Structures are given as C-alpha cells and as structure tokens.
Amino acid sequence: MVEEAIPVLRVADAEAAVAWYARLGFVKEWEHRFEPHSPAFVEVARGGARLFLSEHDGDARPDTLVYLRVKDVDAVAQEFGARIEEQPWAREVHLTDPDGNRLRVGTPSLF
C-alpha cells in the first residue's frame, strides 16, 4: 500500500466543486453518502494528486491552502485567466475555488 497525505477541503456543493476541479484536470474517483440526500464526501484525482471534497460540517475549514505542483502551469493560467507569478522556486498562479479554498499551482523551476 502506498502511503500518502490527502487534503480535505470543505465544499458547500460537491457536484459544483467536482466541476470546478475538473477544470484543473481532476477526475471524480468516487462519492459516498451515508443516506440519499445526506452530505457528500468525494475523492478527486489528477495523476498522483488526490483531494477529498467534503460537504460535512466539521471536516475542514474554508480558506485552506493547497499547493499543487504541475508540469504546465501555463495551461492552468490560461484555463482560469490567472496571472503567472515568477518566483525563484517556481512559476505559480493563485486560485480560489467557489468555496474559498485557496490553491497555489506551480511548475518548479527545475522541471
């Protein structure tokens, strides 16, 4: 079994969040609800990166920051109309999802 850390992000509407994260190249892997119409808990993945998106109160707080390392930050910047910032360590864009979670997406200078 591979060991990994998976960030949990609080979302109000999992379906809308999945659609937003699809713009970043994430694909919905699975969804769980304890009962129909109860809050959703969803996993999305992009390559080896995974995120849990939770509608459950108390699972996570809004305004979380996640760093996503990608090979082509230019494509992300174009998709979101975001400005690329040149840093000594990476070229980055700063995004905020519809629920206020922050993502810093970057291509390391060493790629």
PDB file of N, CA and C in Angstrom:
ATOM      1  N   MET A   1       0.843  -1.185   0.000  1.00  0.00           N
ATOM      2  CA  MET A   1       0.000   0.000   0.000  1.00  0.00           C
ATOM      3  C   MET A   1       0.885   1.246   0.000  1.00  0.00           C
ATOM      4  N   VAL A   2       0.537   2.195  -0.823  1.00  0.00           N
ATOM      5  CA  VAL A   2       1.253   3.463  -0.893  1.00  0.00           C
ATOM      6  C   VAL A   2       0.756   4.366   0.230  1.00  0.00           C
ATOM      7  N   GLU A   3       1.670   4.970   0.951  1.00  0.00           N
ATOM      8  CA  GLU A   3       1.286   5.927   1.982  1.00  0.00           C
ATOM      9  C   GLU A   3       1.227   7.308   1.365  1.00  0.00           C
ATOM     10  N   GLU A   4       0.213   8.076   1.742  1.00  0.00           N
ATOM     11  CA  GLU A   4       0.064   9.416   1.188  1.00  0.00           C
ATOM     12  C   GLU A   4      -0.757  10.281   2.126  1.00  0.00           C
ATOM     13  N   ALA A   5      -0.616  11.564   1.980  1.00  0.00           N
ATOM     14  CA  ALA A   5      -1.445  12.534   2.691  1.00  0.00           C
ATOM     15  C   ALA A   5      -2.430  13.109   1.681  1.00  0.00           C
ATOM     16  N   ILE A   6      -3.714  13.159   2.063  1.00  0.00           N
ATOM     17  CA  ILE A   6      -4.741  13.683   1.158  1.00  0.00           C
ATOM     18  C   ILE A   6      -5.447  14.844   1.856  1.00  0.00           C
ATOM     19  N   PRO A   7      -5.315  16.061   1.334  1.00  0.00           N
ATOM     20  CA  PRO A   7      -6.011  17.200   1.937  1.00  0.00           C
ATOM     21  C   PRO A   7      -7.533  17.045   1.838  1.00  0.00           C
ATOM     22  N   VAL A   8      -8.228  17.495   2.871  1.00  0.00           N
ATOM     23  CA  VAL A   8      -9.692  17.520   2.884  1.00  0.00           C
ATOM     24  C   VAL A   8     -10.115  18.978   2.764  1.00  0.00           C
ATOM     25  N   LEU A   9     -10.935  19.272   1.762  1.00  0.00           N
ATOM     26  CA  LEU A   9     -11.427  20.630   1.544  1.00  0.00           C
ATOM     27  C   LEU A   9     -12.929  20.668   1.791  1.00  0.00           C
ATOM     28  N   ARG A  10     -13.374  21.659   2.533  1.00  0.00           N
ATOM     29  CA  ARG A  10     -14.804  21.838   2.799  1.00  0.00           C
ATOM     30  C   ARG A  10     -15.442  22.503   1.597  1.00  0.00           C
ATOM     31  N   VAL A  11     -16.537  21.913   1.118  1.00  0.00           N
ATOM     32  CA  VAL A  11     -17.285  22.475  -0.005  1.00  0.00           C
ATOM     33  C   VAL A  11     -18.766  22.491   0.346  1.00  0.00           C
ATOM     34  N   ALA A  12     -19.492  23.445  -0.196  1.00  0.00           N
ATOM     35  CA  ALA A  12     -20.933  23.535   0.050  1.00  0.00           C
ATOM     36  C   ALA A  12     -21.709  22.643  -0.907  1.00  0.00           C
ATOM     37  N   ASP A  13     -21.212  22.499  -2.126  1.00  0.00           N
ATOM     38  CA  ASP A  13     -21.893  21.736  -3.174  1.00  0.00           C
ATOM     39  C   ASP A  13     -20.847  20.873  -3.877  1.00  0.00           C
ATOM     40  N   ALA A  14     -20.818  19.591  -3.526  1.00  0.00           N
ATOM     41  CA  ALA A  14     -19.787  18.696  -4.068  1.00  0.00           C
ATOM     42  C   ALA A  14     -19.852  18.605  -5.587  1.00  0.00           C
ATOM     43  N   GLU A  15     -21.043  18.574  -6.147  1.00  0.00           N
ATOM     44  CA  GLU A  15     -21.175  18.476  -7.605  1.00  0.00           C
ATOM     45  C   GLU A  15     -20.544  19.691  -8.293  1.00  0.00           C
ATOM     46  N   ALA A  16     -20.818  20.881  -7.772  1.00  0.00           N
ATOM     47  CA  ALA A  16     -20.226  22.098  -8.341  1.00  0.00           C
ATOM     48  C   ALA A  16     -18.710  22.105  -8.135  1.00  0.00           C
ATOM     49  N   ALA A  17     -18.252  21.633  -6.979  1.00  0.00           N
ATOM     50  CA  ALA A  17     -16.812  21.583  -6.708  1.00  0.00           C
ATOM     51  C   ALA A  17     -16.114  20.617  -7.656  1.00  0.00           C
ATOM     52  N   VAL A  18     -16.711  19.464  -7.901  1.00  0.00           N
ATOM     53  CA  VAL A  18     -16.128  18.490  -8.838  1.00  0.00           C
ATOM     54  C   VAL A  18     -15.993  19.126 -10.218  1.00  0.00           C
ATOM     55  N   ALA A  19     -16.994  19.868 -10.649  1.00  0.00           N
ATOM     56  CA  ALA A  19     -16.933  20.539 -11.960  1.00  0.00           C
ATOM     57  C   ALA A  19     -15.810  21.575 -11.984  1.00  0.00           C
ATOM     58  N   TRP A  20     -15.635  22.331 -10.903  1.00  0.00           N
ATOM     59  CA  TRP A  20     -14.562  23.334 -10.855  1.00  0.00           C
ATOM     60  C   TRP A  20     -13.194  22.658 -10.884  1.00  0.00           C
ATOM     61  N   TYR A  21     -13.016  21.615 -10.089  1.00  0.00           N
ATOM     62  CA  TYR A  21     -11.726  20.917 -10.052  1.00  0.00           C
ATOM     63  C   TYR A  21     -11.444  20.163 -11.351  1.00  0.00           C
ATOM     64  N   ALA A  22     -12.476  19.819 -12.100  1.00  0.00           N
ATOM     65  CA  ALA A  22     -12.270  19.202 -13.422  1.00  0.00           C
ATOM     66  C   ALA A  22     -11.535  20.168 -14.346  1.00  0.00           C
ATOM     67  N   ARG A  23     -11.755  21.455 -14.173  1.00  0.00           N
ATOM     68  CA  ARG A  23     -11.028  22.455 -14.976  1.00  0.00           C
ATOM     69  C   ARG A  23      -9.530  22.410 -14.693  1.00  0.00           C
ATOM     70  N   LEU A  24      -9.143  21.892 -13.543  1.00  0.00           N
ATOM     71  CA  LEU A  24      -7.734  21.720 -13.182  1.00  0.00           C
ATOM     72  C   LEU A  24      -7.213  20.342 -13.590  1.00  0.00           C
ATOM     73  N   GLY A  25      -8.075  19.544 -14.209  1.00  0.00           N
ATOM     74  CA  GLY A  25      -7.655  18.215 -14.648  1.00  0.00           C
ATOM     75  C   GLY A  25      -7.970  17.104 -13.663  1.00  0.00           C
ATOM     76  N   PHE A  26      -8.697  17.407 -12.590  1.00  0.00           N
ATOM     77  CA  PHE A  26      -9.079  16.374 -11.628  1.00  0.00           C
ATOM     78  C   PHE A  26     -10.286  15.596 -12.138  1.00  0.00           C
ATOM     79  N   VAL A  27     -10.328  14.317 -11.800  1.00  0.00           N
ATOM     80  CA  VAL A  27     -11.421  13.425 -12.184  1.00  0.00           C
ATOM     81  C   VAL A  27     -12.026  12.841 -10.907  1.00  0.00           C
ATOM     82  N   LYS A  28     -13.342  12.782 -10.860  1.00  0.00           N
ATOM     83  CA  LYS A  28     -14.020  12.196  -9.698  1.00  0.00           C
ATOM     84  C   LYS A  28     -13.744  10.697  -9.663  1.00  0.00           C
ATOM     85  N   GLU A  29     -13.210  10.219  -8.538  1.00  0.00           N
ATOM     86  CA  GLU A  29     -12.910   8.797  -8.354  1.00  0.00           C
ATOM     87  C   GLU A  29     -14.086   8.066  -7.711  1.00  0.00           C
ATOM     88  N   TRP A  30     -14.678   8.673  -6.680  1.00  0.00           N
ATOM     89  CA  TRP A  30     -15.820   8.067  -6.006  1.00  0.00           C
ATOM     90  C   TRP A  30     -16.535   9.115  -5.156  1.00  0.00           C
ATOM     91  N   GLU A  31     -17.736   8.757  -4.746  1.00  0.00           N
ATOM     92  CA  GLU A  31     -18.550   9.617  -3.879  1.00  0.00           C
ATOM     93  C   GLU A  31     -19.237   8.740  -2.859  1.00  0.00           C
ATOM     94  N   HIS A  32     -19.320   9.224  -1.611  1.00  0.00           N
ATOM     95  CA  HIS A  32     -20.012   8.478  -0.560  1.00  0.00           C
ATOM     96  C   HIS A  32     -21.016   9.395   0.135  1.00  0.00           C
ATOM     97  N   ARG A  33     -22.196   8.833   0.395  1.00  0.00           N
ATOM     98  CA  ARG A  33     -23.220   9.480   1.220  1.00  0.00           C
ATOM     99  C   ARG A  33     -23.748   8.411   2.167  1.00  0.00           C
ATOM    100  N   PHE A  34     -23.937   8.753   3.431  1.00  0.00           N
ATOM    101  CA  PHE A  34     -24.472   7.780   4.379  1.00  0.00           C
ATOM    102  C   PHE A  34     -25.909   7.409   4.038  1.00  0.00           C
ATOM    103  N   GLU A  35     -26.657   8.357   3.513  1.00  0.00           N
ATOM    104  CA  GLU A  35     -28.041   8.151   3.086  1.00  0.00           C
ATOM    105  C   GLU A  35     -28.293   9.059   1.896  1.00  0.00           C
ATOM    106  N   PRO A  36     -29.314   8.747   1.084  1.00  0.00           N
ATOM    107  CA  PRO A  36     -29.641   9.671  -0.010  1.00  0.00           C
ATOM    108  C   PRO A  36     -29.896  11.075   0.563  1.00  0.00           C
ATOM    109  N   HIS A  37     -29.439  12.061  -0.117  1.00  0.00           N
ATOM    110  CA  HIS A  37     -29.616  13.473   0.251  1.00  0.00           C
ATOM    111  C   HIS A  37     -28.800  13.894   1.474  1.00  0.00           C
ATOM    112  N   SER A  38     -27.969  13.010   2.008  1.00  0.00           N
ATOM    113  CA  SER A  38     -27.082  13.430   3.098  1.00  0.00           C
ATOM    114  C   SER A  38     -25.825  14.051   2.486  1.00  0.00           C
ATOM    115  N   PRO A  39     -24.999  14.726   3.271  1.00  0.00           N
ATOM    116  CA  PRO A  39     -23.812  15.377   2.712  1.00  0.00           C
ATOM    117  C   PRO A  39     -22.893  14.387   1.986  1.00  0.00           C
ATOM    118  N   ALA A  40     -22.268  14.877   0.942  1.00  0.00           N
ATOM    119  CA  ALA A  40     -21.378  14.045   0.121  1.00  0.00           C
ATOM    120  C   ALA A  40     -19.933  14.168   0.592  1.00  0.00           C
ATOM    121  N   PHE A  41     -19.191  13.094   0.363  1.00  0.00           N
ATOM    122  CA  PHE A  41     -17.745  13.049   0.567  1.00  0.00           C
ATOM    123  C   PHE A  41     -17.179  12.458  -0.713  1.00  0.00           C
ATOM    124  N   VAL A  42     -16.354  13.220  -1.423  1.00  0.00           N
ATOM    125  CA  VAL A  42     -15.921  12.861  -2.773  1.00  0.00           C
ATOM    126  C   VAL A  42     -14.396  12.864  -2.843  1.00  0.00           C
ATOM    127  N   GLU A  43     -13.857  11.921  -3.610  1.00  0.00           N
ATOM    128  CA  GLU A  43     -12.426  11.962  -3.919  1.00  0.00           C
ATOM    129  C   GLU A  43     -12.249  12.330  -5.378  1.00  0.00           C
ATOM    130  N   VAL A  44     -11.360  13.300  -5.635  1.00  0.00           N
ATOM    131  CA  VAL A  44     -10.970  13.650  -7.000  1.00  0.00           C
ATOM    132  C   VAL A  44      -9.468  13.423  -7.120  1.00  0.00           C
ATOM    133  N   ALA A  45      -9.031  13.084  -8.337  1.00  0.00           N
ATOM    134  CA  ALA A  45      -7.611  12.783  -8.544  1.00  0.00           C
ATOM    135  C   ALA A  45      -7.134  13.361  -9.861  1.00  0.00           C
ATOM    136  N   ARG A  46      -5.868  13.719  -9.862  1.00  0.00           N
ATOM    137  CA  ARG A  46      -5.175  14.174 -11.068  1.00  0.00           C
ATOM    138  C   ARG A  46      -3.787  13.553 -10.988  1.00  0.00           C
ATOM    139  N   GLY A  47      -3.540  12.533 -11.797  1.00  0.00           N
ATOM    140  CA  GLY A  47      -2.269  11.819 -11.688  1.00  0.00           C
ATOM    141  C   GLY A  47      -2.131  11.268 -10.285  1.00  0.00           C
ATOM    142  N   GLY A  48      -1.028  11.584  -9.620  1.00  0.00           N
ATOM    143  CA  GLY A  48      -0.814  11.120  -8.252  1.00  0.00           C
ATOM    144  C   GLY A  48      -1.378  12.044  -7.189  1.00  0.00           C
ATOM    145  N   ALA A  49      -1.977  13.164  -7.571  1.00  0.00           N
ATOM    146  CA  ALA A  49      -2.550  14.116  -6.609  1.00  0.00           C
ATOM    147  C   ALA A  49      -4.005  13.756  -6.336  1.00  0.00           C
ATOM    148  N   ARG A  50      -4.374  13.765  -5.065  1.00  0.00           N
ATOM    149  CA  ARG A  50      -5.748  13.457  -4.670  1.00  0.00           C
ATOM    150  C   ARG A  50      -6.249  14.521  -3.699  1.00  0.00           C
ATOM    151  N   LEU A  51      -7.536  14.799  -3.774  1.00  0.00           N
ATOM    152  CA  LEU A  51      -8.193  15.700  -2.829  1.00  0.00           C
ATOM    153  C   LEU A  51      -9.488  15.053  -2.378  1.00  0.00           C
ATOM    154  N   PHE A  52      -9.838  15.230  -1.117  1.00  0.00           N
ATOM    155  CA  PHE A  52     -11.162  14.880  -0.625  1.00  0.00           C
ATOM    156  C   PHE A  52     -11.969  16.173  -0.567  1.00  0.00           C
ATOM    157  N   LEU A  53     -13.173  16.149  -1.102  1.00  0.00           N
ATOM    158  CA  LEU A  53     -14.098  17.284  -1.072  1.00  0.00           C
ATOM    159  C   LEU A  53     -15.264  16.879  -0.183  1.00  0.00           C
ATOM    160  N   SER A  54     -15.490  17.605   0.899  1.00  0.00           N
ATOM    161  CA  SER A  54     -16.485  17.192   1.880  1.00  0.00           C
ATOM    162  C   SER A  54     -17.545  18.261   2.117  1.00  0.00           C
ATOM    163  N   GLU A  55     -18.798  17.833   2.062  1.00  0.00           N
ATOM    164  CA  GLU A  55     -19.919  18.701   2.435  1.00  0.00           C
ATOM    165  C   GLU A  55     -20.216  18.618   3.934  1.00  0.00           C
ATOM    166  N   HIS A  56     -19.532  17.732   4.657  1.00  0.00           N
ATOM    167  CA  HIS A  56     -19.795  17.513   6.082  1.00  0.00           C
ATOM    168  C   HIS A  56     -19.274  18.673   6.925  1.00  0.00           C
ATOM    169  N   ASP A  57     -20.124  19.190   7.805  1.00  0.00           N
ATOM    170  CA  ASP A  57     -19.690  20.217   8.752  1.00  0.00           C
ATOM    171  C   ASP A  57     -18.600  19.640   9.644  1.00  0.00           C
ATOM    172  N   GLY A  58     -17.576  20.418   9.889  1.00  0.00           N
ATOM    173  CA  GLY A  58     -16.526  20.000  10.804  1.00  0.00           C
ATOM    174  C   GLY A  58     -15.380  19.224  10.180  1.00  0.00           C
ATOM    175  N   ASP A  59     -15.513  18.768   8.938  1.00  0.00           N
ATOM    176  CA  ASP A  59     -14.420  18.013   8.313  1.00  0.00           C
ATOM    177  C   ASP A  59     -13.228  18.898   7.984  1.00  0.00           C
ATOM    178  N   ALA A  60     -13.474  20.111   7.593  1.00  0.00           N
ATOM    179  CA  ALA A  60     -12.400  21.029   7.216  1.00  0.00           C
ATOM    180  C   ALA A  60     -12.932  22.448   7.331  1.00  0.00           C
ATOM    181  N   ARG A  61     -12.042  23.389   7.257  1.00  0.00           N
ATOM    182  CA  ARG A  61     -12.434  24.792   7.343  1.00  0.00           C
ATOM    183  C   ARG A  61     -12.226  25.468   5.993  1.00  0.00           C
ATOM    184  N   PRO A  62     -13.063  26.441   5.678  1.00  0.00           N
ATOM    185  CA  PRO A  62     -12.835  27.212   4.447  1.00  0.00           C
ATOM    186  C   PRO A  62     -11.492  27.937   4.529  1.00  0.00           C
ATOM    187  N   ASP A  63     -11.013  28.403   3.424  1.00  0.00           N
ATOM    188  CA  ASP A  63      -9.777  29.179   3.332  1.00  0.00           C
ATOM    189  C   ASP A  63      -8.530  28.321   3.547  1.00  0.00           C
ATOM    190  N   THR A  64      -8.642  27.036   3.283  1.00  0.00           N
ATOM    191  CA  THR A  64      -7.482  26.148   3.323  1.00  0.00           C
ATOM    192  C   THR A  64      -6.590  26.466   2.131  1.00  0.00           C
ATOM    193  N   LEU A  65      -5.280  26.274   2.284  1.00  0.00           N
ATOM    194  CA  LEU A  65      -4.342  26.472   1.185  1.00  0.00           C
ATOM    195  C   LEU A  65      -3.731  25.131   0.804  1.00  0.00           C
ATOM    196  N   VAL A  66      -3.809  24.785  -0.479  1.00  0.00           N
ATOM    197  CA  VAL A  66      -3.200  23.565  -1.019  1.00  0.00           C
ATOM    198  C   VAL A  66      -2.237  23.979  -2.118  1.00  0.00           C
ATOM    199  N   TYR A  67      -1.057  23.372  -2.129  1.00  0.00           N
ATOM    200  CA  TYR A  67      -0.093  23.614  -3.208  1.00  0.00           C
ATOM    201  C   TYR A  67      -0.158  22.429  -4.154  1.00  0.00           C
ATOM    202  N   LEU A  68      -0.358  22.711  -5.437  1.00  0.00           N
ATOM    203  CA  LEU A  68      -0.417  21.675  -6.466  1.00  0.00           C
ATOM    204  C   LEU A  68       0.728  21.894  -7.435  1.00  0.00           C
ATOM    205  N   ARG A  69       1.621  20.935  -7.523  1.00  0.00           N
ATOM    206  CA  ARG A  69       2.754  21.012  -8.447  1.00  0.00           C
ATOM    207  C   ARG A  69       2.334  20.359  -9.762  1.00  0.00           C
ATOM    208  N   VAL A  70       2.482  21.101 -10.863  1.00  0.00           N
ATOM    209  CA  VAL A  70       2.094  20.616 -12.191  1.00  0.00           C
ATOM    210  C   VAL A  70       3.240  20.823 -13.174  1.00  0.00           C
ATOM    211  N   LYS A  71       3.174  20.112 -14.293  1.00  0.00           N
ATOM    212  CA  LYS A  71       4.207  20.256 -15.324  1.00  0.00           C
ATOM    213  C   LYS A  71       3.973  21.464 -16.216  1.00  0.00           C
ATOM    214  N   ASP A  72       2.710  21.939 -16.318  1.00  0.00           N
ATOM    215  CA  ASP A  72       2.392  23.025 -17.252  1.00  0.00           C
ATOM    216  C   ASP A  72       1.483  24.060 -16.601  1.00  0.00           C
ATOM    217  N   VAL A  73       2.067  24.966 -15.826  1.00  0.00           N
ATOM    218  CA  VAL A  73       1.277  25.999 -15.169  1.00  0.00           C
ATOM    219  C   VAL A  73       0.676  26.964 -16.185  1.00  0.00           C
ATOM    220  N   ASP A  74       1.280  27.069 -17.360  1.00  0.00           N
ATOM    221  CA  ASP A  74       0.732  27.961 -18.390  1.00  0.00           C
ATOM    222  C   ASP A  74      -0.678  27.543 -18.797  1.00  0.00           C
ATOM    223  N   ALA A  75      -0.916  26.232 -18.904  1.00  0.00           N
ATOM    224  CA  ALA A  75      -2.248  25.739 -19.273  1.00  0.00           C
ATOM    225  C   ALA A  75      -3.267  26.074 -18.186  1.00  0.00           C
ATOM    226  N   VAL A  76      -2.860  25.956 -16.932  1.00  0.00           N
ATOM    227  CA  VAL A  76      -3.753  26.299 -15.818  1.00  0.00           C
ATOM    228  C   VAL A  76      -4.058  27.794 -15.841  1.00  0.00           C
ATOM    229  N   ALA A  77      -3.037  28.606 -16.034  1.00  0.00           N
ATOM    230  CA  ALA A  77      -3.232  30.060 -16.091  1.00  0.00           C
ATOM    231  C   ALA A  77      -4.193  30.436 -17.210  1.00  0.00           C
ATOM    232  N   GLN A  78      -4.048  29.790 -18.348  1.00  0.00           N
ATOM    233  CA  GLN A  78      -4.928  30.082 -19.480  1.00  0.00           C
ATOM    234  C   GLN A  78      -6.367  29.670 -19.174  1.00  0.00           C
ATOM    235  N   GLU A  79      -6.557  28.488 -18.598  1.00  0.00           N
ATOM    236  CA  GLU A  79      -7.908  27.993 -18.282  1.00  0.00           C
ATOM    237  C   GLU A  79      -8.643  28.928 -17.327  1.00  0.00           C
ATOM    238  N   PHE A  80      -7.920  29.488 -16.357  1.00  0.00           N
ATOM    239  CA  PHE A  80      -8.554  30.315 -15.330  1.00  0.00           C
ATOM    240  C   PHE A  80      -8.352  31.808 -15.541  1.00  0.00           C
ATOM    241  N   GLY A  81      -7.638  32.191 -16.587  1.00  0.00           N
ATOM    242  CA  GLY A  81      -7.372  33.606 -16.809  1.00  0.00           C
ATOM    243  C   GLY A  81      -6.552  34.211 -15.681  1.00  0.00           C
ATOM    244  N   ALA A  82      -5.650  33.413 -15.123  1.00  0.00           N
ATOM    245  CA  ALA A  82      -4.847  33.847 -13.977  1.00  0.00           C
ATOM    246  C   ALA A  82      -3.474  34.332 -14.435  1.00  0.00           C
ATOM    247  N   ARG A  83      -2.924  35.243 -13.673  1.00  0.00           N
ATOM    248  CA  ARG A  83      -1.595  35.790 -13.956  1.00  0.00           C
ATOM    249  C   ARG A  83      -0.533  34.889 -13.331  1.00  0.00           C
ATOM    250  N   ILE A  84       0.493  34.568 -14.098  1.00  0.00           N
ATOM    251  CA  ILE A  84       1.605  33.761 -13.591  1.00  0.00           C
ATOM    252  C   ILE A  84       2.574  34.659 -12.837  1.00  0.00           C
ATOM    253  N   GLU A  85       2.958  34.219 -11.655  1.00  0.00           N
ATOM    254  CA  GLU A  85       3.964  34.921 -10.860  1.00  0.00           C
ATOM    255  C   GLU A  85       5.270  34.144 -10.949  1.00  0.00           C
ATOM    256  N   GLU A  86       6.329  34.848 -11.269  1.00  0.00           N
ATOM    257  CA  GLU A  86       7.660  34.235 -11.358  1.00  0.00           C
ATOM    258  C   GLU A  86       8.307  34.277  -9.973  1.00  0.00           C
ATOM    259  N   GLN A  87       8.546  33.116  -9.400  1.00  0.00           N
ATOM    260  CA  GLN A  87       9.220  33.005  -8.109  1.00  0.00           C
ATOM    261  C   GLN A  87      10.569  32.322  -8.331  1.00  0.00           C
ATOM    262  N   PRO A  88      11.512  32.456  -7.423  1.00  0.00           N
ATOM    263  CA  PRO A  88      12.803  31.787  -7.596  1.00  0.00           C
ATOM    264  C   PRO A  88      12.671  30.262  -7.675  1.00  0.00           C
ATOM    265  N   TRP A  89      11.647  29.697  -7.036  1.00  0.00           N
ATOM    266  CA  TRP A  89      11.474  28.250  -6.960  1.00  0.00           C
ATOM    267  C   TRP A  89      10.492  27.700  -7.996  1.00  0.00           C
ATOM    268  N   ALA A  90       9.627  28.559  -8.546  1.00  0.00           N
ATOM    269  CA  ALA A  90       8.588  28.063  -9.455  1.00  0.00           C
ATOM    270  C   ALA A  90       7.886  29.215 -10.152  1.00  0.00           C
ATOM    271  N   ARG A  91       7.175  28.876 -11.208  1.00  0.00           N
ATOM    272  CA  ARG A  91       6.216  29.783 -11.841  1.00  0.00           C
ATOM    273  C   ARG A  91       4.861  29.370 -11.286  1.00  0.00           C
ATOM    274  N   GLU A  92       4.102  30.321 -10.711  1.00  0.00           N
ATOM    275  CA  GLU A  92       2.891  29.971  -9.976  1.00  0.00           C
ATOM    276  C   GLU A  92       1.694  30.829 -10.367  1.00  0.00           C
ATOM    277  N   VAL A  93       0.514  30.249 -10.154  1.00  0.00           N
ATOM    278  CA  VAL A  93      -0.736  31.000 -10.198  1.00  0.00           C
ATOM    279  C   VAL A  93      -1.449  30.771  -8.868  1.00  0.00           C
ATOM    280  N   HIS A  94      -2.235  31.749  -8.469  1.00  0.00           N
ATOM    281  CA  HIS A  94      -3.019  31.654  -7.245  1.00  0.00           C
ATOM    282  C   HIS A  94      -4.488  31.587  -7.645  1.00  0.00           C
ATOM    283  N   LEU A  95      -5.177  30.551  -7.178  1.00  0.00           N
ATOM    284  CA  LEU A  95      -6.590  30.360  -7.489  1.00  0.00           C
ATOM    285  C   LEU A  95      -7.384  30.235  -6.195  1.00  0.00           C
ATOM    286  N   THR A  96      -8.664  30.554  -6.269  1.00  0.00           N
ATOM    287  CA  THR A  96      -9.588  30.341  -5.156  1.00  0.00           C
ATOM    288  C   THR A  96     -10.805  29.621  -5.707  1.00  0.00           C
ATOM    289  N   ASP A  97     -11.148  28.481  -5.092  1.00  0.00           N
ATOM    290  CA  ASP A  97     -12.306  27.731  -5.583  1.00  0.00           C
ATOM    291  C   ASP A  97     -13.595  28.422  -5.132  1.00  0.00           C
ATOM    292  N   PRO A  98     -14.758  27.975  -5.609  1.00  0.00           N
ATOM    293  CA  PRO A  98     -16.023  28.639  -5.262  1.00  0.00           C
ATOM    294  C   PRO A  98     -16.337  28.647  -3.760  1.00  0.00           C
ATOM    295  N   ASP A  99     -15.664  27.777  -2.986  1.00  0.00           N
ATOM    296  CA  ASP A  99     -15.910  27.706  -1.550  1.00  0.00           C
ATOM    297  C   ASP A  99     -14.869  28.454  -0.724  1.00  0.00           C
ATOM    298  N   GLY A 100     -13.968  29.167  -1.391  1.00  0.00           N
ATOM    299  CA  GLY A 100     -12.976  29.963  -0.685  1.00  0.00           C
ATOM    300  C   GLY A 100     -11.684  29.233  -0.357  1.00  0.00           C
ATOM    301  N   ASN A 101     -11.552  27.979  -0.790  1.00  0.00           N
ATOM    302  CA  ASN A 101     -10.294  27.264  -0.604  1.00  0.00           C
ATOM    303  C   ASN A 101      -9.284  27.808  -1.600  1.00  0.00           C
ATOM    304  N   ARG A 102      -8.058  28.015  -1.130  1.00  0.00           N
ATOM    305  CA  ARG A 102      -7.022  28.602  -1.976  1.00  0.00           C
ATOM    306  C   ARG A 102      -6.099  27.523  -2.522  1.00  0.00           C
ATOM    307  N   LEU A 103      -5.739  27.661  -3.780  1.00  0.00           N
ATOM    308  CA  LEU A 103      -4.785  26.757  -4.409  1.00  0.00           C
ATOM    309  C   LEU A 103      -3.662  27.572  -5.011  1.00  0.00           C
ATOM    310  N   ARG A 104      -2.461  27.187  -4.698  1.00  0.00           N
ATOM    311  CA  ARG A 104      -1.292  27.750  -5.359  1.00  0.00           C
ATOM    312  C   ARG A 104      -0.814  26.639  -6.290  1.00  0.00           C
ATOM    313  N   VAL A 105      -0.811  26.916  -7.580  1.00  0.00           N
ATOM    314  CA  VAL A 105      -0.461  25.916  -8.592  1.00  0.00           C
ATOM    315  C   VAL A 105       0.839  26.355  -9.230  1.00  0.00           C
ATOM    316  N   GLY A 106       1.828  25.458  -9.247  1.00  0.00           N
ATOM    317  CA  GLY A 106       3.120  25.876  -9.746  1.00  0.00           C
ATOM    318  C   GLY A 106       3.879  24.814 -10.505  1.00  0.00           C
ATOM    319  N   THR A 107       4.719  25.288 -11.407  1.00  0.00           N
ATOM    320  CA  THR A 107       5.687  24.446 -12.101  1.00  0.00           C
ATOM    321  C   THR A 107       7.057  24.817 -11.546  1.00  0.00           C
ATOM    322  N   PRO A 108       7.708  23.861 -10.864  1.00  0.00           N
ATOM    323  CA  PRO A 108       9.025  24.158 -10.297  1.00  0.00           C
ATOM    324  C   PRO A 108      10.023  24.581 -11.366  1.00  0.00           C
ATOM    325  N   SER A 109      10.938  25.416 -10.979  1.00  0.00           N
ATOM    326  CA  SER A 109      11.971  25.886 -11.904  1.00  0.00           C
ATOM    327  C   SER A 109      12.849  24.747 -12.392  1.00  0.00           C
ATOM    328  N   LEU A 110      12.898  23.645 -11.672  1.00  0.00           N
ATOM    329  CA  LEU A 110      13.749  22.515 -12.022  1.00  0.00           C
ATOM    330  C   LEU A 110      13.075  21.508 -12.940  1.00  0.00           C
ATOM    331  N   PHE A 111      11.809  21.698 -13.286  1.00  0.00           N
ATOM    332  CA  PHE A 111      11.112  20.752 -14.186  1.00  0.00           C
ATOM    333  C   PHE A 111      11.670  20.873 -15.564  1.00  0.00           C
TER     334      PHE A 111
END
